[in-house]
Amino acid sequence: MDYKKSKAPVNTVTRNIMDLCKDTGNIYESVAIISKRANQISVQIKDDLSKKLAEFASYNDSLEEVFENREQIEISRYYEKLPKPSLLATQEFVENKVYWRDQQKDSQNFN
């Protein structure tokens, strides 16, 4: 997924708590859902970055042979400019793009 195209803000935004707990009915449950999604996004971004930077890895570097690769720097800058995973997850939650379910309510429906 291209997170640069997301409408998530790059800086922190003040949000209305009532808007966040509208779907779940509980602000703590909403925050838990957002944090789990932020962890998923963080792992995905880290994997993408690691794959891209692995192309530049050379295993026979010595201290004297360390050099800067312009492409590697550009990739790192791109990922630095992305919104933080928590902001991406919050934006997805507000836009109802996050799937979640309550296991306790699901188990009560089966009994």
Protein backbone atom coordinates (compact mmCIF):
# COMPACT_ATOMS: atom_id res chain seq x y z
CA MET A 1 0.00 0.00 0.00
CA ASP A 2 1.24 3.46 -0.80
CA TYR A 3 0.93 5.36 2.45
CA LYS A 4 2.06 8.62 0.85
CA LYS A 5 -1.29 8.79 -0.96
CA SER A 6 -3.17 8.51 2.32
CA LYS A 7 -5.09 11.53 3.51
CA ALA A 8 -3.60 11.15 6.98
CA PRO A 9 -2.04 14.31 8.38
CA VAL A 10 1.72 14.44 8.82
CA ASN A 11 1.43 16.34 12.12
CA THR A 12 -0.70 15.63 15.17
CA VAL A 13 -4.32 16.66 14.86
CA THR A 14 -6.76 17.26 17.71
CA ARG A 15 -9.76 14.97 17.32
CA ASN A 16 -13.15 14.88 18.97
CA ILE A 17 -13.30 11.93 21.35
CA MET A 18 -16.99 11.42 20.65
CA ASP A 19 -16.25 10.88 16.95
CA LEU A 20 -13.70 8.19 17.79
CA CYS A 21 -16.00 6.26 20.12
CA LYS A 22 -19.07 6.56 17.87
CA ASP A 23 -18.64 3.11 16.25
CA THR A 24 -17.50 1.15 19.30
CA GLY A 25 -19.32 3.01 22.05
CA ASN A 26 -16.14 3.00 24.14
CA ILE A 27 -13.12 5.27 23.70
CA TYR A 28 -10.76 2.69 25.20
CA GLU A 29 -11.88 0.05 22.74
CA SER A 30 -11.39 2.51 19.88
CA VAL A 31 -7.88 3.35 21.07
CA ALA A 32 -7.05 -0.37 21.37
CA ILE A 33 -8.24 -0.98 17.79
CA ILE A 34 -6.25 2.00 16.50
CA SER A 35 -3.10 0.88 18.34
CA LYS A 36 -3.32 -2.66 16.96
CA ARG A 37 -3.73 -1.30 13.44
CA ALA A 38 -0.82 1.11 13.99
CA ASN A 39 1.37 -1.84 14.98
CA GLN A 40 0.37 -3.67 11.79
CA ILE A 41 1.17 -0.62 9.67
CA SER A 42 4.50 -0.13 11.44
CA VAL A 43 5.57 -3.71 10.77
CA GLN A 44 4.53 -3.43 7.13
CA ILE A 45 6.44 -0.18 6.62
CA LYS A 46 9.51 -1.61 8.34
CA ASP A 47 9.41 -4.71 6.10
CA ASP A 48 9.08 -2.56 2.96
CA LEU A 49 11.99 -0.36 4.01
CA SER A 50 14.16 -3.35 4.90
CA LYS A 51 13.51 -4.97 1.52
CA LYS A 52 14.42 -1.78 -0.34
CA LEU A 53 17.56 -1.14 1.70
CA ALA A 54 18.68 -4.78 1.43
CA GLU A 55 19.41 -4.17 -2.24
CA PHE A 56 22.19 -1.78 -1.23
CA ALA A 57 23.74 -4.00 1.43
CA SER A 58 27.28 -5.12 0.81
CA TYR A 59 28.70 -7.65 3.17
CA ASN A 60 32.39 -6.92 2.69
CA ASP A 61 32.41 -3.36 4.01
CA SER A 62 35.30 -2.24 6.12
CA LEU A 63 35.43 0.99 8.07
CA GLU A 64 37.42 2.66 5.31
CA GLU A 65 35.05 1.67 2.52
CA VAL A 66 31.84 3.16 3.93
CA PHE A 67 30.25 5.47 1.40
CA GLU A 68 26.92 7.19 0.91
CA ASN A 69 24.58 5.98 -1.76
CA ARG A 70 22.27 8.72 -3.03
CA GLU A 71 19.44 6.29 -3.85
CA GLN A 72 19.61 4.83 -0.37
CA ILE A 73 19.39 8.31 1.13
CA GLU A 74 16.37 9.17 -1.04
CA ILE A 75 14.57 5.99 0.06
CA SER A 76 15.26 6.82 3.70
CA ARG A 77 13.99 10.38 3.25
CA TYR A 78 10.81 9.11 1.62
CA TYR A 79 10.04 6.91 4.62
CA GLU A 80 10.93 9.70 7.07
CA LYS A 81 8.36 11.99 5.43
CA LEU A 82 5.54 9.47 5.73
CA PRO A 83 2.89 10.07 8.39
CA LYS A 84 3.43 8.11 11.59
CA PRO A 85 1.67 4.72 11.80
CA SER A 86 -0.57 5.96 14.61
CA LEU A 87 -1.80 8.84 12.44
CA LEU A 88 -2.39 6.49 9.50
CA ALA A 89 -4.31 4.06 11.72
CA THR A 90 -6.43 6.84 13.21
CA GLN A 91 -7.30 8.15 9.75
CA GLU A 92 -8.28 4.65 8.60
CA PHE A 93 -10.44 4.22 11.71
CA VAL A 94 -12.19 7.56 11.18
CA GLU A 95 -12.84 6.66 7.52
CA ASN A 96 -14.23 3.21 8.55
CA LYS A 97 -11.51 1.36 6.62
CA VAL A 98 -10.56 -0.83 9.60
CA TYR A 99 -12.28 -4.17 10.10
CA TRP A 100 -12.69 -5.17 13.73
CA ARG A 101 -14.97 -7.39 15.75
CA ASP A 102 -15.71 -7.99 19.41
CA GLN A 103 -15.00 -11.62 20.29
CA GLN A 104 -17.01 -11.44 23.52
CA LYS A 105 -20.14 -10.33 21.67
CA ASP A 106 -19.56 -12.96 18.99
CA SER A 107 -19.26 -15.74 21.57
CA GLN A 108 -22.49 -14.57 23.29
CA ASN A 109 -24.36 -14.80 19.99
CA PHE A 110 -23.36 -18.45 19.59
CA ASN A 111 -24.66 -19.45 23.05
